Amino acid sequence: MTDIAIIDNKTIEQVQKEFTSHFPFLKIEFYEAEHTTGEGTPETLRVNVERTIGEARTKQTAGKLSIHGNQKVSTLEQAFHDVFGLNVQVFRMSGSLWLQTTTTDDWTLSEQNETAKDFSLG
């Protein structure tokens, strides 16, 4: 388990790097709007990685977000939204492509990471 500090002066890119340091075959992207469960988010709504958390959030809650391998993707995405007012989508590496985990949001982060690792390393 790890904690990621979600504070106003941190950039989107810094949060992304912290997440990926724990799950190297996954990444998170931040969006202007919330997505519906099982649906993807259009690329046009993606938040620029140079923006700060303070510029992207809709709730002014600062704190730490605990992330662990047994956590479902949907639970992580919902925590970002409910606690911090941030809309995120988890992506899984598939060869040289990044796939939104829309149909596998009920998988854990570890399951996603291991599947991506197996597929990417052959």
PDB file of N, CA and C in Angstrom:
ATOM      1  N   MET A   1       0.851  -1.183   0.000  1.00  0.00           N
ATOM      2  CA  MET A   1       0.000   0.000   0.000  1.00  0.00           C
ATOM      3  C   MET A   1       0.889   1.235   0.000  1.00  0.00           C
ATOM      4  N   THR A   2       0.415   2.253  -0.693  1.00  0.00           N
ATOM      5  CA  THR A   2       1.129   3.511  -0.729  1.00  0.00           C
ATOM      6  C   THR A   2       0.135   4.656  -0.621  1.00  0.00           C
ATOM      7  N   ASP A   3       0.615   5.783  -0.166  1.00  0.00           N
ATOM      8  CA  ASP A   3      -0.210   6.983  -0.098  1.00  0.00           C
ATOM      9  C   ASP A   3       0.331   8.002  -1.080  1.00  0.00           C
ATOM     10  N   ILE A   4      -0.560   8.616  -1.827  1.00  0.00           N
ATOM     11  CA  ILE A   4      -0.186   9.707  -2.723  1.00  0.00           C
ATOM     12  C   ILE A   4      -0.818  10.977  -2.180  1.00  0.00           C
ATOM     13  N   ALA A   5       0.007  11.981  -1.930  1.00  0.00           N
ATOM     14  CA  ALA A   5      -0.498  13.259  -1.443  1.00  0.00           C
ATOM     15  C   ALA A   5      -1.197  13.984  -2.580  1.00  0.00           C
ATOM     16  N   ILE A   6      -2.428  14.381  -2.326  1.00  0.00           N
ATOM     17  CA  ILE A   6      -3.213  15.118  -3.313  1.00  0.00           C
ATOM     18  C   ILE A   6      -3.326  16.550  -2.775  1.00  0.00           C
ATOM     19  N   ILE A   7      -2.408  17.392  -3.232  1.00  0.00           N
ATOM     20  CA  ILE A   7      -2.352  18.778  -2.758  1.00  0.00           C
ATOM     21  C   ILE A   7      -2.354  19.730  -3.952  1.00  0.00           C
ATOM     22  N   ASP A   8      -2.834  20.945  -3.717  1.00  0.00           N
ATOM     23  CA  ASP A   8      -3.070  21.902  -4.797  1.00  0.00           C
ATOM     24  C   ASP A   8      -1.864  22.225  -5.668  1.00  0.00           C
ATOM     25  N   ASN A   9      -0.663  22.311  -5.085  1.00  0.00           N
ATOM     26  CA  ASN A   9       0.483  22.769  -5.877  1.00  0.00           C
ATOM     27  C   ASN A   9       1.199  21.643  -6.621  1.00  0.00           C
ATOM     28  N   LYS A  10       0.754  20.420  -6.452  1.00  0.00           N
ATOM     29  CA  LYS A  10       1.340  19.289  -7.177  1.00  0.00           C
ATOM     30  C   LYS A  10       0.742  19.257  -8.588  1.00  0.00           C
ATOM     31  N   THR A  11       1.569  18.916  -9.579  1.00  0.00           N
ATOM     32  CA  THR A  11       1.051  18.838 -10.948  1.00  0.00           C
ATOM     33  C   THR A  11       0.401  17.478 -11.202  1.00  0.00           C
ATOM     34  N   ILE A  12      -0.429  17.445 -12.229  1.00  0.00           N
ATOM     35  CA  ILE A  12      -1.049  16.200 -12.667  1.00  0.00           C
ATOM     36  C   ILE A  12       0.055  15.181 -12.972  1.00  0.00           C
ATOM     37  N   GLU A  13       1.098  15.630 -13.667  1.00  0.00           N
ATOM     38  CA  GLU A  13       2.196  14.751 -14.047  1.00  0.00           C
ATOM     39  C   GLU A  13       2.882  14.135 -12.832  1.00  0.00           C
ATOM     40  N   GLN A  14       3.042  14.890 -11.755  1.00  0.00           N
ATOM     41  CA  GLN A  14       3.672  14.355 -10.543  1.00  0.00           C
ATOM     42  C   GLN A  14       2.837  13.231  -9.939  1.00  0.00           C
ATOM     43  N   VAL A  15       1.531  13.412  -9.914  1.00  0.00           N
ATOM     44  CA  VAL A  15       0.643  12.372  -9.383  1.00  0.00           C
ATOM     45  C   VAL A  15       0.703  11.135 -10.285  1.00  0.00           C
ATOM     46  N   GLN A  16       0.704  11.359 -11.594  1.00  0.00           N
ATOM     47  CA  GLN A  16       0.791  10.240 -12.536  1.00  0.00           C
ATOM     48  C   GLN A  16       2.075   9.431 -12.320  1.00  0.00           C
ATOM     49  N   LYS A  17       3.192  10.124 -12.152  1.00  0.00           N
ATOM     50  CA  LYS A  17       4.471   9.432 -11.958  1.00  0.00           C
ATOM     51  C   LYS A  17       4.483   8.638 -10.659  1.00  0.00           C
ATOM     52  N   GLU A  18       3.905   9.194  -9.602  1.00  0.00           N
ATOM     53  CA  GLU A  18       3.839   8.472  -8.330  1.00  0.00           C
ATOM     54  C   GLU A  18       3.019   7.187  -8.480  1.00  0.00           C
ATOM     55  N   PHE A  19       1.890   7.295  -9.164  1.00  0.00           N
ATOM     56  CA  PHE A  19       1.033   6.128  -9.375  1.00  0.00           C
ATOM     57  C   PHE A  19       1.774   5.061 -10.174  1.00  0.00           C
ATOM     58  N   THR A  20       2.373   5.462 -11.281  1.00  0.00           N
ATOM     59  CA  THR A  20       3.049   4.520 -12.171  1.00  0.00           C
ATOM     60  C   THR A  20       4.298   3.917 -11.529  1.00  0.00           C
ATOM     61  N   SER A  21       4.889   4.604 -10.556  1.00  0.00           N
ATOM     62  CA  SER A  21       6.046   4.022  -9.872  1.00  0.00           C
ATOM     63  C   SER A  21       5.646   2.767  -9.088  1.00  0.00           C
ATOM     64  N   HIS A  22       4.378   2.665  -8.714  1.00  0.00           N
ATOM     65  CA  HIS A  22       3.884   1.500  -7.975  1.00  0.00           C
ATOM     66  C   HIS A  22       3.236   0.462  -8.885  1.00  0.00           C
ATOM     67  N   PHE A  23       2.723   0.920 -10.026  1.00  0.00           N
ATOM     68  CA  PHE A  23       2.084   0.036 -10.993  1.00  0.00           C
ATOM     69  C   PHE A  23       2.645   0.377 -12.374  1.00  0.00           C
ATOM     70  N   PRO A  24       3.833  -0.163 -12.699  1.00  0.00           N
ATOM     71  CA  PRO A  24       4.561   0.262 -13.894  1.00  0.00           C
ATOM     72  C   PRO A  24       3.884  -0.026 -15.231  1.00  0.00           C
ATOM     73  N   PHE A  25       2.877  -0.892 -15.251  1.00  0.00           N
ATOM     74  CA  PHE A  25       2.186  -1.191 -16.505  1.00  0.00           C
ATOM     75  C   PHE A  25       0.802  -0.536 -16.563  1.00  0.00           C
ATOM     76  N   LEU A  26       0.574   0.395 -15.625  1.00  0.00           N
ATOM     77  CA  LEU A  26      -0.677   1.155 -15.583  1.00  0.00           C
ATOM     78  C   LEU A  26      -0.357   2.643 -15.578  1.00  0.00           C
ATOM     79  N   LYS A  27      -1.344   3.436 -15.975  1.00  0.00           N
ATOM     80  CA  LYS A  27      -1.224   4.887 -15.826  1.00  0.00           C
ATOM     81  C   LYS A  27      -2.612   5.453 -15.555  1.00  0.00           C
ATOM     82  N   ILE A  28      -2.631   6.650 -15.024  1.00  0.00           N
ATOM     83  CA  ILE A  28      -3.896   7.353 -14.831  1.00  0.00           C
ATOM     84  C   ILE A  28      -3.865   8.637 -15.642  1.00  0.00           C
ATOM     85  N   GLU A  29      -5.010   8.967 -16.192  1.00  0.00           N
ATOM     86  CA  GLU A  29      -5.196  10.237 -16.896  1.00  0.00           C
ATOM     87  C   GLU A  29      -6.312  10.980 -16.191  1.00  0.00           C
ATOM     88  N   PHE A  30      -6.203  12.298 -16.193  1.00  0.00           N
ATOM     89  CA  PHE A  30      -7.183  13.165 -15.554  1.00  0.00           C
ATOM     90  C   PHE A  30      -8.040  13.829 -16.622  1.00  0.00           C
ATOM     91  N   TYR A  31      -9.336  13.981 -16.329  1.00  0.00           N
ATOM     92  CA  TYR A  31     -10.282  14.514 -17.302  1.00  0.00           C
ATOM     93  C   TYR A  31     -11.141  15.628 -16.713  1.00  0.00           C
ATOM     94  N   GLU A  32     -11.679  16.440 -17.607  1.00  0.00           N
ATOM     95  CA  GLU A  32     -12.528  17.567 -17.210  1.00  0.00           C
ATOM     96  C   GLU A  32     -13.894  17.101 -16.695  1.00  0.00           C
ATOM     97  N   ALA A  33     -14.332  15.933 -17.127  1.00  0.00           N
ATOM     98  CA  ALA A  33     -15.661  15.451 -16.754  1.00  0.00           C
ATOM     99  C   ALA A  33     -15.590  14.004 -16.293  1.00  0.00           C
ATOM    100  N   GLU A  34     -16.588  13.623 -15.522  1.00  0.00           N
ATOM    101  CA  GLU A  34     -16.683  12.263 -15.008  1.00  0.00           C
ATOM    102  C   GLU A  34     -17.156  11.329 -16.120  1.00  0.00           C
ATOM    103  N   HIS A  35     -16.686  10.076 -16.084  1.00  0.00           N
ATOM    104  CA  HIS A  35     -17.163   9.100 -17.065  1.00  0.00           C
ATOM    105  C   HIS A  35     -18.147   8.148 -16.398  1.00  0.00           C
ATOM    106  N   THR A  36     -18.998   7.574 -17.204  1.00  0.00           N
ATOM    107  CA  THR A  36     -19.973   6.604 -16.720  1.00  0.00           C
ATOM    108  C   THR A  36     -19.285   5.249 -16.605  1.00  0.00           C
ATOM    109  N   THR A  37     -19.643   4.478 -15.596  1.00  0.00           N
ATOM    110  CA  THR A  37     -19.065   3.153 -15.404  1.00  0.00           C
ATOM    111  C   THR A  37     -19.206   2.339 -16.684  1.00  0.00           C
ATOM    112  N   GLY A  38     -18.108   1.715 -17.096  1.00  0.00           N
ATOM    113  CA  GLY A  38     -18.116   0.898 -18.302  1.00  0.00           C
ATOM    114  C   GLY A  38     -17.908   1.675 -19.586  1.00  0.00           C
ATOM    115  N   GLU A  39     -17.780   2.984 -19.481  1.00  0.00           N
ATOM    116  CA  GLU A  39     -17.568   3.801 -20.673  1.00  0.00           C
ATOM    117  C   GLU A  39     -16.226   4.511 -20.593  1.00  0.00           C
ATOM    118  N   GLY A  40     -15.663   4.790 -21.750  1.00  0.00           N
ATOM    119  CA  GLY A  40     -14.415   5.532 -21.824  1.00  0.00           C
ATOM    120  C   GLY A  40     -14.668   7.027 -21.753  1.00  0.00           C
ATOM    121  N   THR A  41     -13.584   7.778 -21.654  1.00  0.00           N
ATOM    122  CA  THR A  41     -13.660   9.234 -21.635  1.00  0.00           C
ATOM    123  C   THR A  41     -12.984   9.753 -22.893  1.00  0.00           C
ATOM    124  N   PRO A  42     -13.635  10.684 -23.596  1.00  0.00           N
ATOM    125  CA  PRO A  42     -13.031  11.211 -24.823  1.00  0.00           C
ATOM    126  C   PRO A  42     -11.694  11.909 -24.557  1.00  0.00           C
ATOM    127  N   GLU A  43     -10.758  11.705 -25.461  1.00  0.00           N
ATOM    128  CA  GLU A  43      -9.427  12.307 -25.375  1.00  0.00           C
ATOM    129  C   GLU A  43      -9.507  13.834 -25.286  1.00  0.00           C
ATOM    130  N   THR A  44     -10.526  14.406 -25.896  1.00  0.00           N
ATOM    131  CA  THR A  44     -10.671  15.871 -25.921  1.00  0.00           C
ATOM    132  C   THR A  44     -10.887  16.457 -24.531  1.00  0.00           C
ATOM    133  N   LEU A  45     -11.283  15.639 -23.567  1.00  0.00           N
ATOM    134  CA  LEU A  45     -11.541  16.120 -22.207  1.00  0.00           C
ATOM    135  C   LEU A  45     -10.346  15.935 -21.266  1.00  0.00           C
ATOM    136  N   ARG A  46      -9.231  15.388 -21.794  1.00  0.00           N
ATOM    137  CA  ARG A  46      -8.064  15.125 -20.940  1.00  0.00           C
ATOM    138  C   ARG A  46      -7.453  16.433 -20.450  1.00  0.00           C
ATOM    139  N   VAL A  47      -7.053  16.458 -19.184  1.00  0.00           N
ATOM    140  CA  VAL A  47      -6.434  17.622 -18.553  1.00  0.00           C
ATOM    141  C   VAL A  47      -4.939  17.614 -18.876  1.00  0.00           C
ATOM    142  N   ASN A  48      -4.404  18.770 -19.220  1.00  0.00           N
ATOM    143  CA  ASN A  48      -2.980  18.923 -19.502  1.00  0.00           C
ATOM    144  C   ASN A  48      -2.173  18.554 -18.257  1.00  0.00           C
ATOM    145  N   VAL A  49      -1.111  17.756 -18.457  1.00  0.00           N
ATOM    146  CA  VAL A  49      -0.324  17.248 -17.324  1.00  0.00           C
ATOM    147  C   VAL A  49       0.433  18.346 -16.578  1.00  0.00           C
ATOM    148  N   GLU A  50       0.565  19.517 -17.181  1.00  0.00           N
ATOM    149  CA  GLU A  50       1.271  20.624 -16.518  1.00  0.00           C
ATOM    150  C   GLU A  50       0.366  21.397 -15.561  1.00  0.00           C
ATOM    151  N   ARG A  51      -0.929  21.158 -15.622  1.00  0.00           N
ATOM    152  CA  ARG A  51      -1.843  21.822 -14.695  1.00  0.00           C
ATOM    153  C   ARG A  51      -1.657  21.245 -13.297  1.00  0.00           C
ATOM    154  N   THR A  52      -1.998  22.046 -12.312  1.00  0.00           N
ATOM    155  CA  THR A  52      -1.889  21.582 -10.933  1.00  0.00           C
ATOM    156  C   THR A  52      -3.189  20.911 -10.490  1.00  0.00           C
ATOM    157  N   ILE A  53      -3.066  20.161  -9.413  1.00  0.00           N
ATOM    158  CA  ILE A  53      -4.245  19.536  -8.803  1.00  0.00           C
ATOM    159  C   ILE A  53      -5.266  20.619  -8.464  1.00  0.00           C
ATOM    160  N   GLY A  54      -4.783  21.731  -7.923  1.00  0.00           N
ATOM    161  CA  GLY A  54      -5.677  22.829  -7.549  1.00  0.00           C
ATOM    162  C   GLY A  54      -6.468  23.373  -8.726  1.00  0.00           C
ATOM    163  N   GLU A  55      -5.875  23.372  -9.908  1.00  0.00           N
ATOM    164  CA  GLU A  55      -6.564  23.853 -11.112  1.00  0.00           C
ATOM    165  C   GLU A  55      -7.550  22.828 -11.663  1.00  0.00           C
ATOM    166  N   ALA A  56      -7.322  21.555 -11.382  1.00  0.00           N
ATOM    167  CA  ALA A  56      -8.139  20.487 -11.970  1.00  0.00           C
ATOM    168  C   ALA A  56      -9.283  20.022 -11.081  1.00  0.00           C
ATOM    169  N   ARG A  57      -9.166  20.201  -9.797  1.00  0.00           N
ATOM    170  CA  ARG A  57     -10.151  19.639  -8.870  1.00  0.00           C
ATOM    171  C   ARG A  57     -11.408  20.499  -8.758  1.00  0.00           C
ATOM    172  N   THR A  58     -12.503  19.859  -8.337  1.00  0.00           N
ATOM    173  CA  THR A  58     -13.750  20.578  -8.078  1.00  0.00           C
ATOM    174  C   THR A  58     -14.069  20.630  -6.588  1.00  0.00           C
ATOM    175  N   LYS A  59     -13.325  19.872  -5.775  1.00  0.00           N
ATOM    176  CA  LYS A  59     -13.483  19.898  -4.321  1.00  0.00           C
ATOM    177  C   LYS A  59     -12.147  20.295  -3.723  1.00  0.00           C
ATOM    178  N   GLN A  60     -12.156  21.166  -2.766  1.00  0.00           N
ATOM    179  CA  GLN A  60     -10.914  21.686  -2.184  1.00  0.00           C
ATOM    180  C   GLN A  60     -10.444  20.867  -0.989  1.00  0.00           C
ATOM    181  N   THR A  61     -10.484  19.562  -1.116  1.00  0.00           N
ATOM    182  CA  THR A  61     -10.032  18.667  -0.063  1.00  0.00           C
ATOM    183  C   THR A  61      -8.593  18.267  -0.341  1.00  0.00           C
ATOM    184  N   ALA A  62      -7.713  18.513   0.603  1.00  0.00           N
ATOM    185  CA  ALA A  62      -6.325  18.057   0.471  1.00  0.00           C
ATOM    186  C   ALA A  62      -6.162  16.838   1.373  1.00  0.00           C
ATOM    187  N   GLY A  63      -5.256  15.980   0.997  1.00  0.00           N
ATOM    188  CA  GLY A  63      -5.023  14.809   1.819  1.00  0.00           C
ATOM    189  C   GLY A  63      -4.243  13.758   1.081  1.00  0.00           C
ATOM    190  N   LYS A  64      -4.250  12.575   1.640  1.00  0.00           N
ATOM    191  CA  LYS A  64      -3.538  11.454   1.024  1.00  0.00           C
ATOM    192  C   LYS A  64      -4.556  10.437   0.523  1.00  0.00           C
ATOM    193  N   LEU A  65      -4.251   9.890  -0.645  1.00  0.00           N
ATOM    194  CA  LEU A  65      -5.078   8.836  -1.198  1.00  0.00           C
ATOM    195  C   LEU A  65      -4.301   7.541  -1.075  1.00  0.00           C
ATOM    196  N   SER A  66      -4.857   6.587  -0.342  1.00  0.00           N
ATOM    197  CA  SER A  66      -4.210   5.288  -0.178  1.00  0.00           C
ATOM    198  C   SER A  66      -4.528   4.416  -1.383  1.00  0.00           C
ATOM    199  N   ILE A  67      -3.466   3.843  -1.958  1.00  0.00           N
ATOM    200  CA  ILE A  67      -3.620   2.985  -3.122  1.00  0.00           C
ATOM    201  C   ILE A  67      -2.950   1.656  -2.810  1.00  0.00           C
ATOM    202  N   HIS A  68      -3.648   0.561  -3.089  1.00  0.00           N
ATOM    203  CA  HIS A  68      -3.074  -0.760  -2.862  1.00  0.00           C
ATOM    204  C   HIS A  68      -3.512  -1.706  -3.971  1.00  0.00           C
ATOM    205  N   GLY A  69      -2.748  -2.758  -4.159  1.00  0.00           N
ATOM    206  CA  GLY A  69      -2.966  -3.690  -5.248  1.00  0.00           C
ATOM    207  C   GLY A  69      -4.304  -4.399  -5.229  1.00  0.00           C
ATOM    208  N   ASN A  70      -4.893  -4.586  -4.048  1.00  0.00           N
ATOM    209  CA  ASN A  70      -6.181  -5.279  -3.950  1.00  0.00           C
ATOM    210  C   ASN A  70      -7.374  -4.364  -4.202  1.00  0.00           C
ATOM    211  N   GLN A  71      -7.104  -3.110  -4.489  1.00  0.00           N
ATOM    212  CA  GLN A  71      -8.154  -2.138  -4.736  1.00  0.00           C
ATOM    213  C   GLN A  71      -8.655  -2.278  -6.173  1.00  0.00           C
ATOM    214  N   LYS A  72      -9.970  -2.263  -6.344  1.00  0.00           N
ATOM    215  CA  LYS A  72     -10.535  -2.318  -7.682  1.00  0.00           C
ATOM    216  C   LYS A  72     -10.309  -0.981  -8.392  1.00  0.00           C
ATOM    217  N   VAL A  73     -10.172  -1.053  -9.705  1.00  0.00           N
ATOM    218  CA  VAL A  73     -10.009   0.160 -10.509  1.00  0.00           C
ATOM    219  C   VAL A  73     -11.179   1.115 -10.259  1.00  0.00           C
ATOM    220  N   SER A  74     -12.389   0.586 -10.267  1.00  0.00           N
ATOM    221  CA  SER A  74     -13.570   1.433 -10.068  1.00  0.00           C
ATOM    222  C   SER A  74     -13.543   2.133  -8.711  1.00  0.00           C
ATOM    223  N   THR A  75     -13.031   1.450  -7.692  1.00  0.00           N
ATOM    224  CA  THR A  75     -12.944   2.035  -6.352  1.00  0.00           C
ATOM    225  C   THR A  75     -11.945   3.185  -6.330  1.00  0.00           C
ATOM    226  N   LEU A  76     -10.798   2.982  -6.977  1.00  0.00           N
ATOM    227  CA  LEU A  76      -9.792   4.050  -7.052  1.00  0.00           C
ATOM    228  C   LEU A  76     -10.348   5.258  -7.786  1.00  0.00           C
ATOM    229  N   GLU A  77     -10.946   5.036  -8.942  1.00  0.00           N
ATOM    230  CA  GLU A  77     -11.491   6.148  -9.732  1.00  0.00           C
ATOM    231  C   GLU A  77     -12.563   6.889  -8.943  1.00  0.00           C
ATOM    232  N   GLN A  78     -13.412   6.147  -8.232  1.00  0.00           N
ATOM    233  CA  GLN A  78     -14.476   6.770  -7.438  1.00  0.00           C
ATOM    234  C   GLN A  78     -13.902   7.568  -6.269  1.00  0.00           C
ATOM    235  N   ALA A  79     -12.830   7.073  -5.640  1.00  0.00           N
ATOM    236  CA  ALA A  79     -12.200   7.793  -4.524  1.00  0.00           C
ATOM    237  C   ALA A  79     -11.618   9.125  -5.000  1.00  0.00           C
ATOM    238  N   PHE A  80     -10.937   9.122  -6.134  1.00  0.00           N
ATOM    239  CA  PHE A  80     -10.429  10.381  -6.682  1.00  0.00           C
ATOM    240  C   PHE A  80     -11.569  11.376  -6.861  1.00  0.00           C
ATOM    241  N   HIS A  81     -12.699  10.896  -7.379  1.00  0.00           N
ATOM    242  CA  HIS A  81     -13.837  11.783  -7.644  1.00  0.00           C
ATOM    243  C   HIS A  81     -14.531  12.242  -6.359  1.00  0.00           C
ATOM    244  N   ASP A  82     -14.878  11.293  -5.507  1.00  0.00           N
ATOM    245  CA  ASP A  82     -15.669  11.619  -4.316  1.00  0.00           C
ATOM    246  C   ASP A  82     -14.901  12.444  -3.292  1.00  0.00           C
ATOM    247  N   VAL A  83     -13.635  12.116  -3.080  1.00  0.00           N
ATOM    248  CA  VAL A  83     -12.865  12.782  -2.036  1.00  0.00           C
ATOM    249  C   VAL A  83     -12.223  14.079  -2.528  1.00  0.00           C
ATOM    250  N   PHE A  84     -11.682  14.049  -3.759  1.00  0.00           N
ATOM    251  CA  PHE A  84     -10.887  15.182  -4.222  1.00  0.00           C
ATOM    252  C   PHE A  84     -11.488  15.952  -5.399  1.00  0.00           C
ATOM    253  N   GLY A  85     -12.617  15.487  -5.930  1.00  0.00           N
ATOM    254  CA  GLY A  85     -13.230  16.171  -7.065  1.00  0.00           C
ATOM    255  C   GLY A  85     -12.391  16.076  -8.326  1.00  0.00           C
ATOM    256  N   LEU A  86     -11.712  14.939  -8.494  1.00  0.00           N
ATOM    257  CA  LEU A  86     -10.865  14.708  -9.668  1.00  0.00           C
ATOM    258  C   LEU A  86     -11.423  13.532 -10.466  1.00  0.00           C
ATOM    259  N   ASN A  87     -11.476  13.712 -11.779  1.00  0.00           N
ATOM    260  CA  ASN A  87     -11.977  12.670 -12.665  1.00  0.00           C
ATOM    261  C   ASN A  87     -10.795  11.954 -13.299  1.00  0.00           C
ATOM    262  N   VAL A  88     -10.607  10.690 -12.951  1.00  0.00           N
ATOM    263  CA  VAL A  88      -9.480   9.933 -13.485  1.00  0.00           C
ATOM    264  C   VAL A  88      -9.972   8.677 -14.180  1.00  0.00           C
ATOM    265  N   GLN A  89      -9.140   8.199 -15.085  1.00  0.00           N
ATOM    266  CA  GLN A  89      -9.381   6.938 -15.786  1.00  0.00           C
ATOM    267  C   GLN A  89      -8.072   6.155 -15.740  1.00  0.00           C
ATOM    268  N   VAL A  90      -8.145   4.899 -15.344  1.00  0.00           N
ATOM    269  CA  VAL A  90      -6.972   4.036 -15.338  1.00  0.00           C
ATOM    270  C   VAL A  90      -6.800   3.429 -16.727  1.00  0.00           C
ATOM    271  N   PHE A  91      -5.548   3.372 -17.176  1.00  0.00           N
ATOM    272  CA  PHE A  91      -5.191   2.750 -18.452  1.00  0.00           C
ATOM    273  C   PHE A  91      -4.243   1.597 -18.175  1.00  0.00           C
ATOM    274  N   ARG A  92      -4.331   0.571 -19.031  1.00  0.00           N
ATOM    275  CA  ARG A  92      -3.456  -0.591 -18.937  1.00  0.00           C
ATOM    276  C   ARG A  92      -2.660  -0.701 -20.234  1.00  0.00           C
ATOM    277  N   MET A  93      -1.362  -0.955 -20.105  1.00  0.00           N
ATOM    278  CA  MET A  93      -0.516  -1.136 -21.277  1.00  0.00           C
ATOM    279  C   MET A  93      -0.884  -2.447 -21.958  1.00  0.00           C
ATOM    280  N   SER A  94      -0.969  -2.396 -23.269  1.00  0.00           N
ATOM    281  CA  SER A  94      -1.235  -3.597 -24.059  1.00  0.00           C
ATOM    282  C   SER A  94      -0.306  -3.547 -25.260  1.00  0.00           C
ATOM    283  N   GLY A  95       0.862  -4.166 -25.108  1.00  0.00           N
ATOM    284  CA  GLY A  95       1.884  -4.039 -26.152  1.00  0.00           C
ATOM    285  C   GLY A  95       2.390  -2.606 -26.178  1.00  0.00           C
ATOM    286  N   SER A  96       2.174  -1.932 -27.289  1.00  0.00           N
ATOM    287  CA  SER A  96       2.604  -0.534 -27.400  1.00  0.00           C
ATOM    288  C   SER A  96       1.434   0.436 -27.259  1.00  0.00           C
ATOM    289  N   LEU A  97       0.248  -0.081 -26.933  1.00  0.00           N
ATOM    290  CA  LEU A  97      -0.945   0.751 -26.800  1.00  0.00           C
ATOM    291  C   LEU A  97      -1.358   0.890 -25.341  1.00  0.00           C
ATOM    292  N   TRP A  98      -2.027   2.002 -25.046  1.00  0.00           N
ATOM    293  CA  TRP A  98      -2.630   2.173 -23.721  1.00  0.00           C
ATOM    294  C   TRP A  98      -4.136   2.037 -23.887  1.00  0.00           C
ATOM    295  N   LEU A  99      -4.748   1.131 -23.122  1.00  0.00           N
ATOM    296  CA  LEU A  99      -6.181   0.885 -23.187  1.00  0.00           C
ATOM    297  C   LEU A  99      -6.864   1.382 -21.920  1.00  0.00           C
ATOM    298  N   GLN A 100      -7.989   2.097 -22.105  1.00  0.00           N
ATOM    299  CA  GLN A 100      -8.790   2.459 -20.941  1.00  0.00           C
ATOM    300  C   GLN A 100      -9.381   1.165 -20.388  1.00  0.00           C
ATOM    301  N   THR A 101      -9.395   1.035 -19.088  1.00  0.00           N
ATOM    302  CA  THR A 101      -9.836  -0.211 -18.450  1.00  0.00           C
ATOM    303  C   THR A 101     -11.348  -0.247 -18.249  1.00  0.00           C
ATOM    304  N   THR A 102     -12.077   0.276 -19.190  1.00  0.00           N
ATOM    305  CA  THR A 102     -13.524   0.433 -19.030  1.00  0.00           C
ATOM    306  C   THR A 102     -14.262  -0.873 -18.770  1.00  0.00           C
ATOM    307  N   THR A 103     -13.919  -1.934 -19.487  1.00  0.00           N
ATOM    308  CA  THR A 103     -14.655  -3.192 -19.310  1.00  0.00           C
ATOM    309  C   THR A 103     -14.088  -4.053 -18.191  1.00  0.00           C
ATOM    310  N   THR A 104     -12.965  -3.615 -17.611  1.00  0.00           N
ATOM    311  CA  THR A 104     -12.343  -4.393 -16.527  1.00  0.00           C
ATOM    312  C   THR A 104     -12.163  -3.547 -15.268  1.00  0.00           C
ATOM    313  N   ASP A 105     -13.049  -2.580 -15.070  1.00  0.00           N
ATOM    314  CA  ASP A 105     -12.967  -1.724 -13.881  1.00  0.00           C
ATOM    315  C   ASP A 105     -13.184  -2.493 -12.581  1.00  0.00           C
ATOM    316  N   ASP A 106     -13.733  -3.718 -12.679  1.00  0.00           N
ATOM    317  CA  ASP A 106     -13.938  -4.517 -11.466  1.00  0.00           C
ATOM    318  C   ASP A 106     -12.706  -5.358 -11.123  1.00  0.00           C
ATOM    319  N   TRP A 107     -11.663  -5.281 -11.949  1.00  0.00           N
ATOM    320  CA  TRP A 107     -10.394  -5.943 -11.639  1.00  0.00           C
ATOM    321  C   TRP A 107      -9.626  -5.097 -10.634  1.00  0.00           C
ATOM    322  N   THR A 108      -8.747  -5.752  -9.868  1.00  0.00           N
ATOM    323  CA  THR A 108      -7.899  -5.000  -8.949  1.00  0.00           C
ATOM    324  C   THR A 108      -6.745  -4.360  -9.728  1.00  0.00           C
ATOM    325  N   LEU A 109      -6.099  -3.404  -9.101  1.00  0.00           N
ATOM    326  CA  LEU A 109      -4.931  -2.769  -9.719  1.00  0.00           C
ATOM    327  C   LEU A 109      -3.834  -3.802  -9.980  1.00  0.00           C
ATOM    328  N   SER A 110      -3.639  -4.738  -9.058  1.00  0.00           N
ATOM    329  CA  SER A 110      -2.627  -5.785  -9.255  1.00  0.00           C
ATOM    330  C   SER A 110      -2.983  -6.681 -10.435  1.00  0.00           C
ATOM    331  N   GLU A 111      -4.258  -7.055 -10.557  1.00  0.00           N
ATOM    332  CA  GLU A 111      -4.682  -7.879 -11.693  1.00  0.00           C
ATOM    333  C   GLU A 111      -4.437  -7.150 -13.013  1.00  0.00           C
ATOM    334  N   GLN A 112      -4.777  -5.875 -13.052  1.00  0.00           N
ATOM    335  CA  GLN A 112      -4.557  -5.065 -14.259  1.00  0.00           C
ATOM    336  C   GLN A 112      -3.066  -5.012 -14.586  1.00  0.00           C
ATOM    337  N   ASN A 113      -2.259  -4.714 -13.575  1.00  0.00           N
ATOM    338  CA  ASN A 113      -0.814  -4.565 -13.781  1.00  0.00           C
ATOM    339  C   ASN A 113      -0.187  -5.882 -14.249  1.00  0.00           C
ATOM    340  N   GLU A 114      -0.567  -6.993 -13.633  1.00  0.00           N
ATOM    341  CA  GLU A 114      -0.010  -8.299 -14.002  1.00  0.00           C
ATOM    342  C   GLU A 114      -0.431  -8.710 -15.414  1.00  0.00           C
ATOM    343  N   THR A 115      -1.684  -8.469 -15.760  1.00  0.00           N
ATOM    344  CA  THR A 115      -2.147  -8.780 -17.108  1.00  0.00           C
ATOM    345  C   THR A 115      -1.374  -7.972 -18.139  1.00  0.00           C
ATOM    346  N   ALA A 116      -1.200  -6.690 -17.861  1.00  0.00           N
ATOM    347  CA  ALA A 116      -0.447  -5.828 -18.780  1.00  0.00           C
ATOM    348  C   ALA A 116       1.013  -6.263 -18.874  1.00  0.00           C
ATOM    349  N   LYS A 117       1.573  -6.641 -17.744  1.00  0.00           N
ATOM    350  CA  LYS A 117       2.971  -7.099 -17.722  1.00  0.00           C
ATOM    351  C   LYS A 117       3.138  -8.360 -18.568  1.00  0.00           C
ATOM    352  N   ASP A 118       2.250  -9.333 -18.363  1.00  0.00           N
ATOM    353  CA  ASP A 118       2.309 -10.582 -19.107  1.00  0.00           C
ATOM    354  C   ASP A 118       2.167 -10.340 -20.604  1.00  0.00           C
ATOM    355  N   PHE A 119       1.227  -9.476 -20.969  1.00  0.00           N
ATOM    356  CA  PHE A 119       0.980  -9.205 -22.384  1.00  0.00           C
ATOM    357  C   PHE A 119       2.144  -8.445 -22.994  1.00  0.00           C
ATOM    358  N   SER A 120       2.706  -7.512 -22.254  1.00  0.00           N
ATOM    359  CA  SER A 120       3.780  -6.663 -22.783  1.00  0.00           C
ATOM    360  C   SER A 120       5.104  -7.401 -22.888  1.00  0.00           C
ATOM    361  N   LEU A 121       5.356  -8.323 -21.966  1.00  0.00           N
ATOM    362  CA  LEU A 121       6.625  -9.039 -21.961  1.00  0.00           C
ATOM    363  C   LEU A 121       6.559 -10.368 -22.713  1.00  0.00           C
ATOM    364  N   GLY A 122       5.336 -10.724 -23.155  1.00  0.00           N
ATOM    365  CA  GLY A 122       5.162 -11.928 -23.951  1.00  0.00           C
ATOM    366  C   GLY A 122       5.201 -13.154 -23.128  1.00  0.00           C
TER     367      GLY A 122
END
